Amino acid sequence: MYYSPRYIDEAHRLTIFHEEHILRSSRCTCFYCGYQFDPQREQDLVWWDEESPKGRTLTCPKCGIDCILGDASGYPITDKRFIRLATEMWFSGYSRISDGLEPDKIKQTCIEVS
């Protein structure tokens, strides 16, 4: 299937302030590391934009990058071609997917700033 740059760009817009569609999803994909997970079962989800009236933004439980799409978004998040094109467009070829690496768990650290 052909995915236009515009289609991929529109998908990218749903990787921020996407709490509503993530919570309706049964599967999510990280377009940086390729990790796929069920947001209803995944432990220790980290959300950004806690105070935004637009909604929160989910970060990847494996790599910590805020580039998650859920299946409720309507985009083909399990299509390998779509995933490859999206990561190439969004990260200019600099990602774990582009490098052929498996998802890798990072240790997230909370930093308080006053």
C-alpha atoms as a PDB file:
ATOM      1  CA  MET A   1       0.000   0.000   0.000  1.00  0.00           C
ATOM      2  CA  TYR A   2       1.155   3.545  -0.755  1.00  0.00           C
ATOM      3  CA  TYR A   3       1.392   6.028   2.130  1.00  0.00           C
ATOM      4  CA  SER A   4       1.813   9.643   1.075  1.00  0.00           C
ATOM      5  CA  PRO A   5       4.040  12.035   3.032  1.00  0.00           C
ATOM      6  CA  ARG A   6       0.890  13.994   3.909  1.00  0.00           C
ATOM      7  CA  TYR A   7      -0.763  10.867   5.369  1.00  0.00           C
ATOM      8  CA  ILE A   8       2.312  10.150   7.476  1.00  0.00           C
ATOM      9  CA  ASP A   9       2.519  13.778   8.602  1.00  0.00           C
ATOM     10  CA  GLU A  10      -1.138  13.661   9.674  1.00  0.00           C
ATOM     11  CA  ALA A  11      -0.406  10.527  11.709  1.00  0.00           C
ATOM     12  CA  HIS A  12       2.509  12.294  13.388  1.00  0.00           C
ATOM     13  CA  ARG A  13       0.147  14.985  14.655  1.00  0.00           C
ATOM     14  CA  LEU A  14      -1.635  12.307  16.698  1.00  0.00           C
ATOM     15  CA  THR A  15       1.469  11.437  18.717  1.00  0.00           C
ATOM     16  CA  ILE A  16       0.890  14.380  21.054  1.00  0.00           C
ATOM     17  CA  PHE A  17      -2.091  15.193  23.285  1.00  0.00           C
ATOM     18  CA  HIS A  18      -3.506  11.783  22.327  1.00  0.00           C
ATOM     19  CA  GLU A  19      -4.773  10.491  25.653  1.00  0.00           C
ATOM     20  CA  GLU A  20      -8.303   9.929  24.347  1.00  0.00           C
ATOM     21  CA  HIS A  21      -7.346   7.619  21.483  1.00  0.00           C
ATOM     22  CA  ILE A  22      -4.648   5.828  23.512  1.00  0.00           C
ATOM     23  CA  LEU A  23      -7.155   4.957  26.225  1.00  0.00           C
ATOM     24  CA  ARG A  24      -9.510   3.543  23.556  1.00  0.00           C
ATOM     25  CA  SER A  25      -6.722   1.489  21.974  1.00  0.00           C
ATOM     26  CA  SER A  26      -5.900  -2.161  22.549  1.00  0.00           C
ATOM     27  CA  ARG A  27      -2.519  -1.908  20.847  1.00  0.00           C
ATOM     28  CA  CYS A  28       0.036   0.865  20.506  1.00  0.00           C
ATOM     29  CA  THR A  29       3.265   1.170  18.536  1.00  0.00           C
ATOM     30  CA  CYS A  30       6.306   3.342  19.230  1.00  0.00           C
ATOM     31  CA  PHE A  31       7.597   4.794  15.992  1.00  0.00           C
ATOM     32  CA  TYR A  32      11.096   5.276  17.401  1.00  0.00           C
ATOM     33  CA  CYS A  33      11.952   1.841  18.790  1.00  0.00           C
ATOM     34  CA  GLY A  34       9.129  -0.312  17.378  1.00  0.00           C
ATOM     35  CA  TYR A  35       7.793  -1.536  20.710  1.00  0.00           C
ATOM     36  CA  GLN A  36       4.170  -2.695  20.526  1.00  0.00           C
ATOM     37  CA  PHE A  37       2.025  -2.976  23.641  1.00  0.00           C
ATOM     38  CA  ASP A  38      -1.469  -2.976  25.064  1.00  0.00           C
ATOM     39  CA  PRO A  39      -1.905   0.303  26.975  1.00  0.00           C
ATOM     40  CA  GLN A  40      -4.531  -1.335  29.201  1.00  0.00           C
ATOM     41  CA  ARG A  41      -2.066  -3.976  30.430  1.00  0.00           C
ATOM     42  CA  GLU A  42       1.303  -2.227  30.266  1.00  0.00           C
ATOM     43  CA  GLN A  43       2.778  -1.366  33.646  1.00  0.00           C
ATOM     44  CA  ASP A  44       4.241   2.011  34.599  1.00  0.00           C
ATOM     45  CA  LEU A  45       2.946   4.201  31.776  1.00  0.00           C
ATOM     46  CA  VAL A  46       4.471   7.675  31.780  1.00  0.00           C
ATOM     47  CA  TRP A  47       2.336  10.565  30.560  1.00  0.00           C
ATOM     48  CA  TRP A  48       3.534  14.064  29.712  1.00  0.00           C
ATOM     49  CA  ASP A  49       1.517  17.277  29.427  1.00  0.00           C
ATOM     50  CA  GLU A  50      -0.311  16.562  32.687  1.00  0.00           C
ATOM     51  CA  GLU A  51      -1.687  20.103  32.886  1.00  0.00           C
ATOM     52  CA  SER A  52      -2.607  20.567  29.224  1.00  0.00           C
ATOM     53  CA  PRO A  53      -6.298  21.073  28.464  1.00  0.00           C
ATOM     54  CA  LYS A  54      -5.618  19.270  25.142  1.00  0.00           C
ATOM     55  CA  GLY A  55      -4.919  15.990  26.969  1.00  0.00           C
ATOM     56  CA  ARG A  56      -1.882  14.031  28.007  1.00  0.00           C
ATOM     57  CA  THR A  57       0.860  12.554  25.806  1.00  0.00           C
ATOM     58  CA  LEU A  58       2.013   8.969  26.348  1.00  0.00           C
ATOM     59  CA  THR A  59       5.699   8.125  26.179  1.00  0.00           C
ATOM     60  CA  CYS A  60       7.027   4.724  25.173  1.00  0.00           C
ATOM     61  CA  PRO A  61       7.406   2.322  28.122  1.00  0.00           C
ATOM     62  CA  LYS A  62      10.591   0.942  26.502  1.00  0.00           C
ATOM     63  CA  CYS A  63      12.522   3.911  25.118  1.00  0.00           C
ATOM     64  CA  GLY A  64      10.798   6.951  26.682  1.00  0.00           C
ATOM     65  CA  ILE A  65      10.214   8.767  23.381  1.00  0.00           C
ATOM     66  CA  ASP A  66       6.856  10.513  22.878  1.00  0.00           C
ATOM     67  CA  CYS A  67       6.061   8.970  19.512  1.00  0.00           C
ATOM     68  CA  ILE A  68       3.197   6.556  20.222  1.00  0.00           C
ATOM     69  CA  LEU A  69       0.140   5.842  18.107  1.00  0.00           C
ATOM     70  CA  GLY A  70      -2.731   3.611  19.186  1.00  0.00           C
ATOM     71  CA  ASP A  71      -4.919   1.487  16.947  1.00  0.00           C
ATOM     72  CA  ALA A  72      -7.931   3.669  17.834  1.00  0.00           C
ATOM     73  CA  SER A  73      -6.252   6.445  15.821  1.00  0.00           C
ATOM     74  CA  GLY A  74      -7.260   4.617  12.639  1.00  0.00           C
ATOM     75  CA  TYR A  75      -3.699   4.430  11.320  1.00  0.00           C
ATOM     76  CA  PRO A  76      -2.137   1.066  10.345  1.00  0.00           C
ATOM     77  CA  ILE A  77       0.164   0.833  13.358  1.00  0.00           C
ATOM     78  CA  THR A  78       1.099  -2.804  12.728  1.00  0.00           C
ATOM     79  CA  ASP A  79       1.912  -2.404   9.023  1.00  0.00           C
ATOM     80  CA  LYS A  80       5.703  -2.726   8.767  1.00  0.00           C
ATOM     81  CA  ARG A  81       5.865  -0.505   5.686  1.00  0.00           C
ATOM     82  CA  PHE A  82       3.903   2.270   7.385  1.00  0.00           C
ATOM     83  CA  ILE A  83       6.082   1.984  10.495  1.00  0.00           C
ATOM     84  CA  ARG A  84       9.294   2.162   8.425  1.00  0.00           C
ATOM     85  CA  LEU A  85       8.100   5.184   6.405  1.00  0.00           C
ATOM     86  CA  ALA A  86       6.901   7.009   9.522  1.00  0.00           C
ATOM     87  CA  THR A  87      10.136   6.488  11.439  1.00  0.00           C
ATOM     88  CA  GLU A  88      12.210   7.556   8.427  1.00  0.00           C
ATOM     89  CA  MET A  89      10.144  10.721   8.001  1.00  0.00           C
ATOM     90  CA  TRP A  90       9.892  11.620  11.693  1.00  0.00           C
ATOM     91  CA  PHE A  91      13.444  10.787  12.734  1.00  0.00           C
ATOM     92  CA  SER A  92      15.332  11.273   9.441  1.00  0.00           C
ATOM     93  CA  GLY A  93      16.690   7.745   9.619  1.00  0.00           C
ATOM     94  CA  TYR A  94      17.979   8.052  13.193  1.00  0.00           C
ATOM     95  CA  SER A  95      15.978   5.551  15.215  1.00  0.00           C
ATOM     96  CA  ARG A  96      16.197   2.026  16.596  1.00  0.00           C
ATOM     97  CA  ILE A  97      13.873   0.884  13.791  1.00  0.00           C
ATOM     98  CA  SER A  98      16.058   2.484  11.106  1.00  0.00           C
ATOM     99  CA  ASP A  99      19.140   0.938  12.687  1.00  0.00           C
ATOM    100  CA  GLY A 100      17.486  -2.508  12.788  1.00  0.00           C
ATOM    101  CA  LEU A 101      17.743  -2.655  16.592  1.00  0.00           C
ATOM    102  CA  GLU A 102      15.248  -4.298  18.931  1.00  0.00           C
ATOM    103  CA  PRO A 103      13.315  -2.187  21.458  1.00  0.00           C
ATOM    104  CA  ASP A 104      15.458  -1.616  24.531  1.00  0.00           C
ATOM    105  CA  LYS A 105      14.219  -0.764  28.029  1.00  0.00           C
ATOM    106  CA  ILE A 106      15.564   2.468  29.437  1.00  0.00           C
ATOM    107  CA  LYS A 107      15.609   3.472  33.060  1.00  0.00           C
ATOM    108  CA  GLN A 108      13.542   6.609  33.404  1.00  0.00           C
ATOM    109  CA  THR A 109      14.490   9.092  36.074  1.00  0.00           C
ATOM    110  CA  CYS A 110      12.193  11.734  37.465  1.00  0.00           C
ATOM    111  CA  ILE A 111      13.828  15.140  37.875  1.00  0.00           C
ATOM    112  CA  GLU A 112      12.135  17.868  39.863  1.00  0.00           C
ATOM    113  CA  VAL A 113      12.833  21.433  38.886  1.00  0.00           C
ATOM    114  CA  SER A 114      11.889  24.305  41.124  1.00  0.00           C
END
